[in-house]
Amino acid sequence: MRWVNYVLLATLLLNGSFALAEPASGEKIIQVKRDTALFGKIVGEVLKQSFDNPFALSEEPQGSYLEGYGVSVSFLLRINRGSIRGIYGEIRYPEKSSNAGMSKEEKLDLVKKITSRTLVDYGGTIRGLADNEHVSISAHIEDRNEWDPARKMTIIVISGTKKKINEMAQANLSDEERLRQLHTLEY
């Protein structure tokens, strides 16, 4: 660890900057990074349980930290992988998925419920965040049956401050109450 400090000091001196970074800030960033990666894995596992089509979740959710704002985890979810809408109608492939018969709106509502529940249950576990910093989940949902490029992608962002999320975790809230208390944006 000492050699890292020497390298950092030498880099700062060579660049002409004499301001030293606070060690606590660096440790905080590392802790937030670890906790954000773990939170992203939790979000991914929860999504895989509800959207069990192997092609639905394109890759593991990724998180980032912005100082002063907080943590944001985002993912791309592809719905309607078991059907193709063509000019002569919809072609359905036999799908054993638990949500195969659901409409697009029902699937969007399911994503809102899943992400809000995950945010409240696990979002407060990201250490190093101040009470006024946010934890948010950004879901990019692609409907392969939609031909209009503007309507093909639906984005749902659910967020709350760490303080609010911790308070909600202590309460026994329904899905509707949880969504009302969190900031939700869908476009």
N, C-alpha and C. Protein backbone atom coordinates (compact mmCIF):
# COMPACT_ATOMS: atom_id res chain seq x y z
N MET A 1 0.82 -1.19 0.00
CA MET A 1 0.00 0.00 0.00
C MET A 1 0.87 1.25 0.00
N ARG A 2 2.05 1.18 0.63
CA ARG A 2 2.91 2.35 0.69
C ARG A 2 3.40 2.77 -0.69
N TRP A 3 3.71 1.79 -1.53
CA TRP A 3 4.23 2.14 -2.85
C TRP A 3 3.17 2.86 -3.67
N VAL A 4 1.88 2.55 -3.41
CA VAL A 4 0.81 3.25 -4.11
C VAL A 4 0.81 4.72 -3.71
N ASN A 5 1.02 4.99 -2.43
CA ASN A 5 1.08 6.38 -1.96
C ASN A 5 2.26 7.12 -2.59
N TYR A 6 3.41 6.44 -2.71
CA TYR A 6 4.58 7.07 -3.33
C TYR A 6 4.33 7.36 -4.80
N VAL A 7 3.69 6.42 -5.49
CA VAL A 7 3.38 6.63 -6.91
C VAL A 7 2.40 7.79 -7.06
N LEU A 8 1.39 7.85 -6.19
CA LEU A 8 0.42 8.95 -6.24
C LEU A 8 1.10 10.28 -5.99
N LEU A 9 1.98 10.34 -4.98
CA LEU A 9 2.69 11.58 -4.68
C LEU A 9 3.58 12.00 -5.84
N ALA A 10 4.29 11.05 -6.44
CA ALA A 10 5.16 11.37 -7.58
C ALA A 10 4.35 11.86 -8.77
N THR A 11 3.19 11.25 -9.01
CA THR A 11 2.33 11.68 -10.12
C THR A 11 1.84 13.09 -9.90
N LEU A 12 1.43 13.40 -8.68
CA LEU A 12 0.95 14.75 -8.38
C LEU A 12 2.06 15.78 -8.53
N LEU A 13 3.25 15.44 -8.07
CA LEU A 13 4.38 16.38 -8.19
C LEU A 13 4.77 16.60 -9.64
N LEU A 14 4.76 15.55 -10.43
CA LEU A 14 5.12 15.67 -11.85
C LEU A 14 4.08 16.47 -12.62
N ASN A 15 2.83 16.37 -12.23
CA ASN A 15 1.78 17.11 -12.92
C ASN A 15 1.68 18.56 -12.46
N GLY A 16 2.46 18.94 -11.46
CA GLY A 16 2.42 20.31 -10.98
C GLY A 16 1.32 20.58 -9.98
N SER A 17 0.62 19.55 -9.54
CA SER A 17 -0.45 19.71 -8.57
C SER A 17 0.06 19.25 -7.22
N PHE A 18 -0.13 20.08 -6.22
CA PHE A 18 0.36 19.74 -4.89
C PHE A 18 -0.76 19.40 -3.93
N ALA A 19 -1.97 19.32 -4.41
CA ALA A 19 -3.10 18.96 -3.55
C ALA A 19 -3.14 17.45 -3.41
N LEU A 20 -3.16 17.01 -2.18
CA LEU A 20 -3.18 15.57 -1.92
C LEU A 20 -4.61 15.12 -1.67
N ALA A 21 -4.92 13.92 -2.16
CA ALA A 21 -6.25 13.36 -1.95
C ALA A 21 -6.36 12.85 -0.51
N GLU A 22 -7.53 12.96 0.05
CA GLU A 22 -7.75 12.46 1.40
C GLU A 22 -7.84 10.94 1.35
N PRO A 23 -7.15 10.24 2.25
CA PRO A 23 -7.20 8.78 2.24
C PRO A 23 -8.60 8.23 2.47
N ALA A 24 -9.39 8.91 3.31
CA ALA A 24 -10.75 8.43 3.58
C ALA A 24 -11.60 8.48 2.32
N SER A 25 -11.39 9.50 1.49
CA SER A 25 -12.15 9.62 0.26
C SER A 25 -11.86 8.45 -0.68
N GLY A 26 -10.59 8.09 -0.80
CA GLY A 26 -10.21 6.95 -1.65
C GLY A 26 -10.78 5.64 -1.14
N GLU A 27 -10.74 5.48 0.17
CA GLU A 27 -11.30 4.26 0.76
C GLU A 27 -12.81 4.23 0.58
N LYS A 28 -13.45 5.39 0.67
CA LYS A 28 -14.90 5.48 0.49
C LYS A 28 -15.27 5.07 -0.93
N ILE A 29 -14.52 5.57 -1.90
CA ILE A 29 -14.80 5.24 -3.30
C ILE A 29 -14.65 3.74 -3.54
N ILE A 30 -13.62 3.14 -2.97
CA ILE A 30 -13.40 1.70 -3.14
C ILE A 30 -14.56 0.92 -2.53
N GLN A 31 -14.99 1.34 -1.33
CA GLN A 31 -16.11 0.66 -0.67
C GLN A 31 -17.39 0.80 -1.47
N VAL A 32 -17.66 2.01 -1.95
CA VAL A 32 -18.86 2.24 -2.76
C VAL A 32 -18.80 1.40 -4.04
N LYS A 33 -17.63 1.31 -4.64
CA LYS A 33 -17.47 0.51 -5.87
C LYS A 33 -17.77 -0.96 -5.61
N ARG A 34 -17.25 -1.50 -4.52
CA ARG A 34 -17.51 -2.91 -4.18
C ARG A 34 -19.00 -3.14 -3.91
N ASP A 35 -19.58 -2.26 -3.11
CA ASP A 35 -20.99 -2.42 -2.76
C ASP A 35 -21.90 -2.24 -3.97
N THR A 36 -21.52 -1.33 -4.87
CA THR A 36 -22.30 -1.12 -6.09
C THR A 36 -22.25 -2.35 -6.98
N ALA A 37 -21.07 -2.96 -7.10
CA ALA A 37 -20.95 -4.18 -7.91
C ALA A 37 -21.80 -5.30 -7.32
N LEU A 38 -21.79 -5.44 -6.00
CA LEU A 38 -22.60 -6.46 -5.33
C LEU A 38 -24.09 -6.17 -5.53
N PHE A 39 -24.48 -4.91 -5.39
CA PHE A 39 -25.88 -4.53 -5.61
C PHE A 39 -26.30 -4.83 -7.05
N GLY A 40 -25.43 -4.58 -8.02
CA GLY A 40 -25.72 -4.91 -9.42
C GLY A 40 -25.93 -6.40 -9.62
N LYS A 41 -25.13 -7.22 -8.97
CA LYS A 41 -25.30 -8.68 -9.07
C LYS A 41 -26.63 -9.12 -8.47
N ILE A 42 -27.02 -8.49 -7.37
CA ILE A 42 -28.31 -8.81 -6.74
C ILE A 42 -29.45 -8.45 -7.69
N VAL A 43 -29.38 -7.27 -8.30
CA VAL A 43 -30.41 -6.85 -9.26
C VAL A 43 -30.49 -7.87 -10.41
N GLY A 44 -29.33 -8.30 -10.91
CA GLY A 44 -29.30 -9.27 -12.00
C GLY A 44 -29.94 -10.60 -11.62
N GLU A 45 -29.64 -11.10 -10.43
CA GLU A 45 -30.20 -12.38 -9.99
C GLU A 45 -31.71 -12.29 -9.81
N VAL A 46 -32.18 -11.18 -9.26
CA VAL A 46 -33.62 -11.01 -9.09
C VAL A 46 -34.32 -10.96 -10.45
N LEU A 47 -33.72 -10.28 -11.41
CA LEU A 47 -34.31 -10.21 -12.75
C LEU A 47 -34.32 -11.57 -13.42
N LYS A 48 -33.27 -12.35 -13.26
CA LYS A 48 -33.19 -13.67 -13.87
C LYS A 48 -34.26 -14.61 -13.32
N GLN A 49 -34.66 -14.40 -12.08
CA GLN A 49 -35.70 -15.24 -11.49
C GLN A 49 -37.06 -14.95 -12.10
N SER A 50 -37.31 -13.70 -12.47
CA SER A 50 -38.61 -13.34 -13.03
C SER A 50 -38.63 -13.39 -14.55
N PHE A 51 -37.51 -13.12 -15.18
CA PHE A 51 -37.40 -13.18 -16.64
C PHE A 51 -36.39 -14.28 -16.95
N ASP A 52 -36.89 -15.52 -16.98
CA ASP A 52 -35.99 -16.66 -17.07
C ASP A 52 -35.59 -17.04 -18.49
N ASN A 53 -36.00 -16.28 -19.49
CA ASN A 53 -35.51 -16.50 -20.84
C ASN A 53 -34.02 -16.17 -20.84
N PRO A 54 -33.16 -17.08 -21.32
CA PRO A 54 -31.71 -16.82 -21.23
C PRO A 54 -31.24 -15.61 -22.03
N PHE A 55 -32.04 -15.13 -22.96
CA PHE A 55 -31.64 -13.98 -23.77
C PHE A 55 -32.29 -12.68 -23.30
N ALA A 56 -33.06 -12.72 -22.23
CA ALA A 56 -33.75 -11.52 -21.77
C ALA A 56 -32.78 -10.48 -21.21
N LEU A 57 -31.91 -10.89 -20.33
CA LEU A 57 -30.94 -9.97 -19.74
C LEU A 57 -29.65 -10.08 -20.54
N SER A 58 -29.31 -9.01 -21.24
CA SER A 58 -28.19 -9.08 -22.17
C SER A 58 -26.85 -9.23 -21.47
N GLU A 59 -26.66 -8.56 -20.34
CA GLU A 59 -25.44 -8.70 -19.54
C GLU A 59 -25.76 -8.28 -18.12
N GLU A 60 -24.81 -8.51 -17.24
CA GLU A 60 -25.02 -8.16 -15.84
C GLU A 60 -25.24 -6.65 -15.69
N PRO A 61 -26.13 -6.25 -14.79
CA PRO A 61 -26.31 -4.82 -14.53
C PRO A 61 -25.01 -4.16 -14.10
N GLN A 62 -24.81 -2.95 -14.56
CA GLN A 62 -23.60 -2.19 -14.27
C GLN A 62 -23.95 -0.97 -13.44
N GLY A 63 -23.09 -0.64 -12.49
CA GLY A 63 -23.33 0.49 -11.62
C GLY A 63 -22.23 1.53 -11.72
N SER A 64 -22.58 2.74 -11.33
CA SER A 64 -21.59 3.82 -11.29
C SER A 64 -21.94 4.74 -10.13
N TYR A 65 -20.92 5.47 -9.69
CA TYR A 65 -21.07 6.40 -8.58
C TYR A 65 -20.72 7.80 -9.05
N LEU A 66 -21.57 8.75 -8.74
CA LEU A 66 -21.32 10.15 -9.04
C LEU A 66 -21.36 10.91 -7.72
N GLU A 67 -20.22 11.49 -7.36
CA GLU A 67 -20.12 12.17 -6.07
C GLU A 67 -21.15 13.28 -5.98
N GLY A 68 -21.87 13.31 -4.89
CA GLY A 68 -22.91 14.30 -4.69
C GLY A 68 -24.28 13.80 -5.10
N TYR A 69 -24.35 12.87 -6.04
CA TYR A 69 -25.64 12.29 -6.44
C TYR A 69 -25.84 10.95 -5.76
N GLY A 70 -24.92 10.02 -6.00
CA GLY A 70 -25.03 8.69 -5.43
C GLY A 70 -24.71 7.62 -6.44
N VAL A 71 -25.42 6.50 -6.35
CA VAL A 71 -25.16 5.32 -7.16
C VAL A 71 -26.31 5.07 -8.12
N SER A 72 -25.96 4.69 -9.33
CA SER A 72 -26.96 4.31 -10.33
C SER A 72 -26.56 2.97 -10.94
N VAL A 73 -27.50 2.04 -10.97
CA VAL A 73 -27.29 0.72 -11.58
C VAL A 73 -28.23 0.63 -12.76
N SER A 74 -27.70 0.22 -13.91
CA SER A 74 -28.55 0.13 -15.11
C SER A 74 -28.37 -1.23 -15.78
N PHE A 75 -29.40 -1.60 -16.54
CA PHE A 75 -29.38 -2.87 -17.26
C PHE A 75 -30.26 -2.77 -18.49
N LEU A 76 -30.03 -3.69 -19.43
CA LEU A 76 -30.85 -3.82 -20.63
C LEU A 76 -31.60 -5.13 -20.54
N LEU A 77 -32.93 -5.05 -20.63
CA LEU A 77 -33.79 -6.22 -20.56
C LEU A 77 -34.56 -6.31 -21.87
N ARG A 78 -34.48 -7.45 -22.51
CA ARG A 78 -35.19 -7.66 -23.77
C ARG A 78 -36.41 -8.53 -23.49
N ILE A 79 -37.58 -7.95 -23.75
CA ILE A 79 -38.83 -8.69 -23.52
C ILE A 79 -39.37 -9.18 -24.86
N ASN A 80 -40.34 -10.06 -24.79
CA ASN A 80 -41.00 -10.65 -25.96
C ASN A 80 -40.01 -11.38 -26.86
N ARG A 81 -39.13 -12.16 -26.24
CA ARG A 81 -38.17 -12.94 -27.02
C ARG A 81 -38.81 -14.21 -27.59
N GLY A 82 -39.97 -14.60 -27.08
CA GLY A 82 -40.62 -15.82 -27.54
C GLY A 82 -41.63 -15.60 -28.64
N SER A 83 -41.70 -14.39 -29.19
CA SER A 83 -42.66 -14.14 -30.26
C SER A 83 -42.08 -13.10 -31.22
N ILE A 84 -42.53 -13.18 -32.44
CA ILE A 84 -42.13 -12.21 -33.47
C ILE A 84 -43.40 -11.73 -34.15
N ARG A 85 -43.57 -10.42 -34.22
CA ARG A 85 -44.73 -9.85 -34.89
C ARG A 85 -44.34 -9.54 -36.34
N GLY A 86 -44.98 -10.21 -37.25
CA GLY A 86 -44.71 -9.99 -38.66
C GLY A 86 -45.90 -9.35 -39.35
N ILE A 87 -45.80 -9.20 -40.66
CA ILE A 87 -46.88 -8.55 -41.40
C ILE A 87 -48.13 -9.41 -41.47
N TYR A 88 -47.99 -10.72 -41.25
CA TYR A 88 -49.15 -11.61 -41.28
C TYR A 88 -49.63 -12.02 -39.90
N GLY A 89 -49.14 -11.36 -38.90
CA GLY A 89 -49.56 -11.66 -37.53
C GLY A 89 -48.38 -12.04 -36.66
N GLU A 90 -48.70 -12.44 -35.45
CA GLU A 90 -47.67 -12.77 -34.47
C GLU A 90 -47.36 -14.25 -34.50
N ILE A 91 -46.08 -14.57 -34.50
CA ILE A 91 -45.62 -15.96 -34.47
C ILE A 91 -45.07 -16.20 -33.07
N ARG A 92 -45.67 -17.17 -32.36
CA ARG A 92 -45.23 -17.48 -31.00
C ARG A 92 -44.47 -18.79 -30.99
N TYR A 93 -43.36 -18.75 -30.31
CA TYR A 93 -42.59 -19.96 -30.10
C TYR A 93 -42.94 -20.49 -28.72
N PRO A 94 -42.97 -21.80 -28.57
CA PRO A 94 -43.30 -22.33 -27.24
C PRO A 94 -42.24 -21.85 -26.24
N GLU A 95 -42.72 -21.16 -25.25
CA GLU A 95 -41.81 -20.61 -24.25
C GLU A 95 -42.26 -21.08 -22.89
N LYS A 96 -41.32 -21.54 -22.11
CA LYS A 96 -41.63 -22.05 -20.79
C LYS A 96 -41.46 -20.98 -19.72
N SER A 97 -41.29 -19.77 -20.15
CA SER A 97 -41.07 -18.66 -19.22
C SER A 97 -42.31 -18.42 -18.38
N SER A 98 -42.08 -17.99 -17.16
CA SER A 98 -43.18 -17.72 -16.24
C SER A 98 -44.00 -16.51 -16.65
N ASN A 99 -43.45 -15.63 -17.48
CA ASN A 99 -44.16 -14.42 -17.90
C ASN A 99 -44.44 -14.41 -19.40
N ALA A 100 -44.50 -15.58 -20.02
CA ALA A 100 -44.66 -15.66 -21.47
C ALA A 100 -46.00 -15.10 -21.95
N GLY A 101 -47.06 -15.26 -21.20
CA GLY A 101 -48.37 -14.81 -21.63
C GLY A 101 -48.71 -13.38 -21.23
N MET A 102 -47.76 -12.68 -20.66
CA MET A 102 -48.02 -11.32 -20.18
C MET A 102 -47.91 -10.31 -21.31
N SER A 103 -48.68 -9.24 -21.21
CA SER A 103 -48.59 -8.15 -22.18
C SER A 103 -47.37 -7.29 -21.85
N LYS A 104 -47.04 -6.39 -22.76
CA LYS A 104 -45.92 -5.48 -22.54
C LYS A 104 -46.13 -4.64 -21.28
N GLU A 105 -47.33 -4.11 -21.10
CA GLU A 105 -47.62 -3.28 -19.94
C GLU A 105 -47.48 -4.07 -18.64
N GLU A 106 -47.93 -5.32 -18.65
CA GLU A 106 -47.79 -6.17 -17.47
C GLU A 106 -46.32 -6.43 -17.16
N LYS A 107 -45.52 -6.62 -18.19
CA LYS A 107 -44.09 -6.85 -17.99
C LYS A 107 -43.40 -5.59 -17.47
N LEU A 108 -43.81 -4.42 -17.96
CA LEU A 108 -43.25 -3.16 -17.46
C LEU A 108 -43.62 -2.97 -15.98
N ASP A 109 -44.87 -3.29 -15.63
CA ASP A 109 -45.28 -3.20 -14.22
C ASP A 109 -44.49 -4.18 -13.35
N LEU A 110 -44.23 -5.36 -13.89
CA LEU A 110 -43.44 -6.35 -13.16
C LEU A 110 -42.01 -5.83 -12.92
N VAL A 111 -41.42 -5.20 -13.92
CA VAL A 111 -40.07 -4.63 -13.76
C VAL A 111 -40.09 -3.54 -12.69
N LYS A 112 -41.12 -2.70 -12.68
CA LYS A 112 -41.22 -1.64 -11.66
C LYS A 112 -41.30 -2.26 -10.26
N LYS A 113 -42.13 -3.28 -10.11
CA LYS A 113 -42.28 -3.91 -8.80
C LYS A 113 -40.98 -4.59 -8.36
N ILE A 114 -40.34 -5.30 -9.27
CA ILE A 114 -39.10 -6.01 -8.95
C ILE A 114 -38.01 -5.02 -8.56
N THR A 115 -37.82 -3.98 -9.37
CA THR A 115 -36.73 -3.05 -9.11
C THR A 115 -37.00 -2.22 -7.85
N SER A 116 -38.26 -1.83 -7.61
CA SER A 116 -38.54 -1.07 -6.39
C SER A 116 -38.33 -1.93 -5.16
N ARG A 117 -38.74 -3.18 -5.21
CA ARG A 117 -38.54 -4.09 -4.08
C ARG A 117 -37.05 -4.33 -3.84
N THR A 118 -36.29 -4.53 -4.91
CA THR A 118 -34.84 -4.74 -4.78
C THR A 118 -34.16 -3.49 -4.25
N LEU A 119 -34.59 -2.32 -4.72
CA LEU A 119 -34.01 -1.06 -4.26
C LEU A 119 -34.24 -0.87 -2.76
N VAL A 120 -35.43 -1.16 -2.30
CA VAL A 120 -35.75 -0.98 -0.88
C VAL A 120 -35.06 -2.06 -0.03
N ASP A 121 -35.05 -3.29 -0.51
CA ASP A 121 -34.47 -4.39 0.28
C ASP A 121 -32.95 -4.33 0.35
N TYR A 122 -32.28 -3.91 -0.73
CA TYR A 122 -30.83 -4.00 -0.79
C TYR A 122 -30.11 -2.67 -1.07
N GLY A 123 -30.83 -1.64 -1.44
CA GLY A 123 -30.20 -0.37 -1.79
C GLY A 123 -29.52 0.31 -0.61
N GLY A 124 -30.00 0.09 0.58
CA GLY A 124 -29.41 0.70 1.76
C GLY A 124 -28.11 0.05 2.19
N THR A 125 -27.75 -1.05 1.56
CA THR A 125 -26.53 -1.76 1.95
C THR A 125 -25.27 -1.16 1.31
N ILE A 126 -25.43 -0.18 0.46
CA ILE A 126 -24.26 0.46 -0.16
C ILE A 126 -23.67 1.41 0.87
N ARG A 127 -22.55 1.01 1.44
CA ARG A 127 -21.90 1.80 2.49
C ARG A 127 -21.12 2.94 1.85
N GLY A 128 -20.92 3.97 2.60
CA GLY A 128 -20.13 5.09 2.12
C GLY A 128 -20.96 6.21 1.53
N LEU A 129 -22.25 5.98 1.35
CA LEU A 129 -23.12 7.02 0.83
C LEU A 129 -23.67 7.87 1.97
N ALA A 130 -23.80 9.14 1.73
CA ALA A 130 -24.44 10.03 2.70
C ALA A 130 -25.95 9.80 2.64
N ASP A 131 -26.65 10.20 3.68
CA ASP A 131 -28.10 10.00 3.73
C ASP A 131 -28.84 10.73 2.61
N ASN A 132 -28.28 11.85 2.14
CA ASN A 132 -28.95 12.61 1.08
C ASN A 132 -28.56 12.17 -0.33
N GLU A 133 -27.63 11.21 -0.45
CA GLU A 133 -27.26 10.70 -1.77
C GLU A 133 -28.27 9.64 -2.21
N HIS A 134 -28.40 9.48 -3.51
CA HIS A 134 -29.42 8.61 -4.10
C HIS A 134 -28.86 7.24 -4.47
N VAL A 135 -29.76 6.29 -4.49
CA VAL A 135 -29.52 4.99 -5.11
C VAL A 135 -30.62 4.84 -6.14
N SER A 136 -30.24 4.57 -7.39
CA SER A 136 -31.25 4.45 -8.44
C SER A 136 -30.98 3.23 -9.30
N ILE A 137 -32.06 2.73 -9.88
CA ILE A 137 -31.99 1.62 -10.84
C ILE A 137 -32.61 2.12 -12.13
N SER A 138 -31.86 1.96 -13.20
CA SER A 138 -32.31 2.39 -14.51
C SER A 138 -32.49 1.16 -15.40
N ALA A 139 -33.73 0.90 -15.79
CA ALA A 139 -34.06 -0.26 -16.61
C ALA A 139 -34.32 0.18 -18.05
N HIS A 140 -33.54 -0.32 -18.97
CA HIS A 140 -33.74 -0.07 -20.40
C HIS A 140 -34.40 -1.34 -20.93
N ILE A 141 -35.66 -1.22 -21.35
CA ILE A 141 -36.45 -2.39 -21.73
C ILE A 141 -36.74 -2.32 -23.22
N GLU A 142 -36.24 -3.32 -23.92
CA GLU A 142 -36.38 -3.36 -25.38
C GLU A 142 -37.46 -4.38 -25.75
N ASP A 143 -38.43 -3.92 -26.53
CA ASP A 143 -39.49 -4.80 -27.02
C ASP A 143 -39.20 -5.10 -28.49
N ARG A 144 -38.80 -6.32 -28.77
CA ARG A 144 -38.39 -6.64 -30.14
C ARG A 144 -39.58 -6.69 -31.11
N ASN A 145 -40.80 -6.70 -30.60
CA ASN A 145 -41.97 -6.71 -31.47
C ASN A 145 -42.41 -5.32 -31.89
N GLU A 146 -41.83 -4.30 -31.32
CA GLU A 146 -42.22 -2.94 -31.64
C GLU A 146 -41.42 -2.46 -32.85
N TRP A 147 -42.11 -1.97 -33.85
CA TRP A 147 -41.44 -1.53 -35.08
C TRP A 147 -41.03 -0.07 -35.02
N ASP A 148 -41.76 0.73 -34.27
CA ASP A 148 -41.46 2.15 -34.15
C ASP A 148 -40.22 2.31 -33.26
N PRO A 149 -39.11 2.86 -33.79
CA PRO A 149 -37.89 3.00 -32.99
C PRO A 149 -38.08 3.83 -31.73
N ALA A 150 -38.98 4.80 -31.75
CA ALA A 150 -39.21 5.65 -30.59
C ALA A 150 -39.92 4.89 -29.47
N ARG A 151 -40.70 3.88 -29.83
CA ARG A 151 -41.45 3.11 -28.84
C ARG A 151 -40.81 1.77 -28.52
N LYS A 152 -39.76 1.41 -29.26
CA LYS A 152 -39.10 0.12 -29.07
C LYS A 152 -38.42 0.02 -27.71
N MET A 153 -37.86 1.13 -27.24
CA MET A 153 -37.14 1.15 -25.98
C MET A 153 -37.94 1.95 -24.94
N THR A 154 -38.21 1.34 -23.81
CA THR A 154 -38.85 2.01 -22.69
C THR A 154 -37.82 2.07 -21.56
N ILE A 155 -37.69 3.24 -20.97
CA ILE A 155 -36.73 3.41 -19.88
C ILE A 155 -37.50 3.73 -18.60
N ILE A 156 -37.18 2.97 -17.56
CA ILE A 156 -37.79 3.16 -16.25
C ILE A 156 -36.67 3.43 -15.26
N VAL A 157 -36.77 4.56 -14.56
CA VAL A 157 -35.79 4.92 -13.54
C VAL A 157 -36.52 5.02 -12.21
N ILE A 158 -36.02 4.28 -11.23
CA ILE A 158 -36.59 4.30 -9.89
C ILE A 158 -35.47 4.68 -8.94
N SER A 159 -35.70 5.71 -8.13
CA SER A 159 -34.63 6.16 -7.23
C SER A 159 -35.20 6.69 -5.92
N GLY A 160 -34.31 6.78 -4.96
CA GLY A 160 -34.64 7.35 -3.66
C GLY A 160 -33.36 7.66 -2.92
N THR A 161 -33.45 8.53 -1.95
CA THR A 161 -32.27 8.83 -1.14
C THR A 161 -31.99 7.64 -0.23
N LYS A 162 -30.74 7.54 0.20
CA LYS A 162 -30.38 6.42 1.07
C LYS A 162 -31.19 6.47 2.36
N LYS A 163 -31.43 7.66 2.88
CA LYS A 163 -32.21 7.81 4.10
C LYS A 163 -33.64 7.29 3.90
N LYS A 164 -34.26 7.67 2.79
CA LYS A 164 -35.63 7.25 2.49
C LYS A 164 -35.70 5.73 2.29
N ILE A 165 -34.71 5.18 1.59
CA ILE A 165 -34.67 3.74 1.34
C ILE A 165 -34.53 2.98 2.65
N ASN A 166 -33.67 3.46 3.55
CA ASN A 166 -33.52 2.81 4.85
C ASN A 166 -34.81 2.87 5.67
N GLU A 167 -35.51 4.01 5.62
CA GLU A 167 -36.78 4.13 6.32
C GLU A 167 -37.81 3.16 5.74
N MET A 168 -37.85 3.06 4.42
CA MET A 168 -38.82 2.17 3.76
C MET A 168 -38.50 0.70 4.04
N ALA A 169 -37.22 0.38 4.21
CA ALA A 169 -36.84 -1.00 4.48
C ALA A 169 -37.36 -1.45 5.84
N GLN A 170 -37.52 -0.51 6.78
CA GLN A 170 -38.02 -0.83 8.11
C GLN A 170 -39.53 -1.02 8.12
N ALA A 171 -40.21 -0.42 7.15
CA ALA A 171 -41.67 -0.50 7.08
C ALA A 171 -42.08 -1.69 6.20
N ASN A 172 -43.26 -2.19 6.44
CA ASN A 172 -43.80 -3.29 5.63
C ASN A 172 -44.76 -2.68 4.61
N LEU A 173 -44.24 -2.33 3.43
CA LEU A 173 -45.03 -1.62 2.43
C LEU A 173 -45.45 -2.54 1.29
N SER A 174 -46.61 -2.25 0.71
CA SER A 174 -47.04 -2.98 -0.48
C SER A 174 -46.28 -2.44 -1.68
N ASP A 175 -46.38 -3.13 -2.80
CA ASP A 175 -45.71 -2.69 -4.03
C ASP A 175 -46.18 -1.30 -4.45
N GLU A 176 -47.48 -1.05 -4.33
CA GLU A 176 -48.04 0.23 -4.74
C GLU A 176 -47.53 1.36 -3.84
N GLU A 177 -47.52 1.11 -2.51
CA GLU A 177 -47.02 2.13 -1.59
C GLU A 177 -45.54 2.41 -1.83
N ARG A 178 -44.78 1.36 -2.11
CA ARG A 178 -43.35 1.51 -2.37
C ARG A 178 -43.12 2.36 -3.60
N LEU A 179 -43.86 2.10 -4.66
CA LEU A 179 -43.71 2.88 -5.90
C LEU A 179 -44.15 4.33 -5.71
N ARG A 180 -45.15 4.56 -4.86
CA ARG A 180 -45.60 5.93 -4.60
C ARG A 180 -44.54 6.74 -3.87
N GLN A 181 -43.81 6.11 -2.97
CA GLN A 181 -42.84 6.83 -2.15
C GLN A 181 -41.49 7.03 -2.85
N LEU A 182 -41.17 6.15 -3.78
CA LEU A 182 -39.93 6.31 -4.54
C LEU A 182 -40.17 7.22 -5.74
N HIS A 183 -39.11 7.84 -6.23
CA HIS A 183 -39.22 8.65 -7.44
C HIS A 183 -39.16 7.71 -8.64
N THR A 184 -40.21 7.70 -9.46
CA THR A 184 -40.30 6.81 -10.61
C THR A 184 -40.51 7.65 -11.87
N LEU A 185 -39.70 7.33 -12.87
CA LEU A 185 -39.79 8.02 -14.16
C LEU A 185 -39.84 6.95 -15.25
N GLU A 186 -40.84 7.05 -16.12
CA GLU A 186 -40.96 6.11 -17.24
C GLU A 186 -41.14 6.89 -18.51
N TYR A 187 -40.32 6.59 -19.48
CA TYR A 187 -40.44 7.25 -20.79
C TYR A 187 -39.98 6.33 -21.90
